[in-house]
Amino acid sequence: MSITVTESAAKHIANFLAKRGKGVGLRLGVRTSGCSGMAYKLEFADVLDEDDLTFEQFGVTVIVDPKSLPYIDGMELDFTREGLNEGFKFNNPNVKDACGCGESFNV
C-alpha cells in the first residue's frame, strides 16, 4: 500500500510548510461528500496520530489515516499549473466514477 508524490507537489507542500513555520506534513484523506459519494481532504498536520501511515518522498511527508487508505491506495498526488489555474491533481487508480464538476468520486 502506498501513496506517491510528484516532485512538483512535494515542492508546493514544502513551501507551504515553510511559510506556516510548523507542521510534520500534509494529511491526505477522504470524506463523504458530493454527488458521487466521496471527496478528498487535505490539511496540514502538526502531530501524528498513533495509527497514521506515513509516506515520504522528495523531503515531504504525506500522512494517511488507515480508514482512508483503501480508497486512495496507489494514488499519485501531483501539483499542476494550467494557464491561470493551479492546484493538486489526484491520480487515483481506484476511482470508478466521478461527478461532472470533478469535486467527488466513488470507488
Protein backbone atom coordinates (compact mmCIF):
# COMPACT_ATOMS: atom_id res chain seq x y z
CA MET A 1 0.00 0.00 0.00
CA SER A 2 1.40 3.36 -0.95
CA ILE A 3 0.85 6.97 -1.91
CA THR A 4 3.31 8.74 -4.20
CA VAL A 5 4.04 12.43 -4.52
CA THR A 6 5.47 14.10 -7.59
CA GLU A 7 8.41 16.45 -7.25
CA SER A 8 6.13 19.37 -8.17
CA ALA A 9 3.66 18.50 -5.40
CA ALA A 10 6.47 17.98 -2.90
CA LYS A 11 7.91 21.44 -3.63
CA HIS A 12 4.49 23.02 -3.18
CA ILE A 13 3.90 21.19 0.12
CA ALA A 14 7.38 22.10 1.40
CA ASN A 15 6.85 25.78 0.52
CA PHE A 16 3.53 25.90 2.39
CA LEU A 17 5.01 24.15 5.44
CA ALA A 18 7.91 26.63 5.44
CA LYS A 19 5.51 29.59 5.25
CA ARG A 20 3.45 28.13 8.11
CA GLY A 21 6.58 27.70 10.19
CA LYS A 22 5.41 24.40 11.64
CA GLY A 23 3.97 21.03 10.70
CA VAL A 24 5.10 17.45 10.19
CA GLY A 25 3.47 17.00 6.80
CA LEU A 26 0.32 17.02 4.73
CA ARG A 27 -2.64 14.92 5.88
CA LEU A 28 -4.49 13.33 2.95
CA GLY A 29 -7.79 11.52 3.33
CA VAL A 30 -11.32 11.10 2.07
CA ARG A 31 -14.68 12.19 3.42
CA THR A 32 -18.26 11.50 2.45
CA SER A 33 -19.38 14.34 0.21
CA GLY A 34 -20.71 15.40 -3.14
CA CYS A 35 -22.95 13.75 -5.67
CA SER A 36 -20.62 10.78 -6.28
CA GLY A 37 -20.08 9.94 -2.63
CA MET A 38 -16.51 10.82 -1.62
CA ALA A 39 -14.18 13.80 -1.76
CA TYR A 40 -10.51 14.30 -0.97
CA LYS A 41 -9.49 16.29 2.07
CA LEU A 42 -6.12 17.93 2.58
CA GLU A 43 -4.86 19.65 5.71
CA PHE A 44 -1.55 20.34 7.35
CA ALA A 45 -0.67 18.07 10.26
CA ASP A 46 1.20 19.28 13.30
CA VAL A 47 1.25 15.89 15.05
CA LEU A 48 0.99 12.25 14.04
CA ASP A 49 -1.79 10.08 15.42
CA GLU A 50 -0.81 6.65 16.71
CA ASP A 51 -2.40 4.77 13.79
CA ASP A 52 -1.34 7.16 10.99
CA LEU A 53 0.53 5.82 7.98
CA THR A 54 3.28 7.99 6.52
CA PHE A 55 4.72 8.17 3.03
CA GLU A 56 7.86 10.23 2.43
CA GLN A 57 9.17 11.46 -0.90
CA PHE A 58 11.27 14.42 -2.01
CA GLY A 59 11.67 15.53 1.60
CA VAL A 60 7.96 15.79 2.49
CA THR A 61 5.67 13.51 4.45
CA VAL A 62 2.12 12.62 3.43
CA ILE A 63 0.04 11.28 6.30
CA VAL A 64 -2.95 9.00 5.74
CA ASP A 65 -5.39 7.55 8.27
CA PRO A 66 -6.00 3.79 7.93
CA LYS A 67 -9.71 4.25 7.07
CA SER A 68 -8.91 6.42 4.04
CA LEU A 69 -6.06 4.30 2.66
CA PRO A 70 -8.19 1.64 0.87
CA TYR A 71 -9.83 4.41 -1.20
CA ILE A 72 -6.57 6.12 -2.19
CA ASP A 73 -4.04 3.28 -2.21
CA GLY A 74 -1.75 3.63 -5.21
CA MET A 75 -2.65 7.28 -5.76
CA GLU A 76 -0.20 9.84 -7.10
CA LEU A 77 -0.53 13.37 -5.73
CA ASP A 78 0.59 15.95 -8.26
CA PHE A 79 0.55 19.75 -8.41
CA THR A 80 -0.19 21.30 -11.79
CA ARG A 81 -0.45 24.73 -13.34
CA GLU A 82 -2.66 25.14 -16.38
CA GLY A 83 -2.93 28.73 -17.53
CA LEU A 84 -4.17 30.77 -14.58
CA ASN A 85 -5.33 27.68 -12.69
CA GLU A 86 -3.17 25.70 -10.33
CA GLY A 87 -3.83 23.01 -7.78
CA PHE A 88 -3.35 19.48 -6.62
CA LYS A 89 -4.26 16.70 -9.02
CA PHE A 90 -5.29 13.35 -7.60
CA ASN A 91 -4.29 10.49 -9.92
CA ASN A 92 -6.23 7.75 -8.15
CA PRO A 93 -6.38 4.32 -9.85
CA ASN A 94 -9.29 3.27 -7.59
CA VAL A 95 -11.79 5.81 -8.95
CA LYS A 96 -14.61 4.13 -10.86
CA ASP A 97 -16.70 7.25 -11.48
CA ALA A 98 -16.52 10.98 -10.78
CA CYS A 99 -19.14 13.70 -10.80
CA GLY A 100 -19.28 16.17 -13.67
CA CYS A 101 -17.84 19.03 -11.64
CA GLY A 102 -14.87 16.91 -10.51
CA GLU A 103 -15.46 17.51 -6.80
CA SER A 104 -16.35 13.96 -5.79
CA PHE A 105 -15.78 10.35 -6.82
CA ASN A 106 -16.69 6.77 -5.99
CA VAL A 107 -14.71 3.55 -5.93
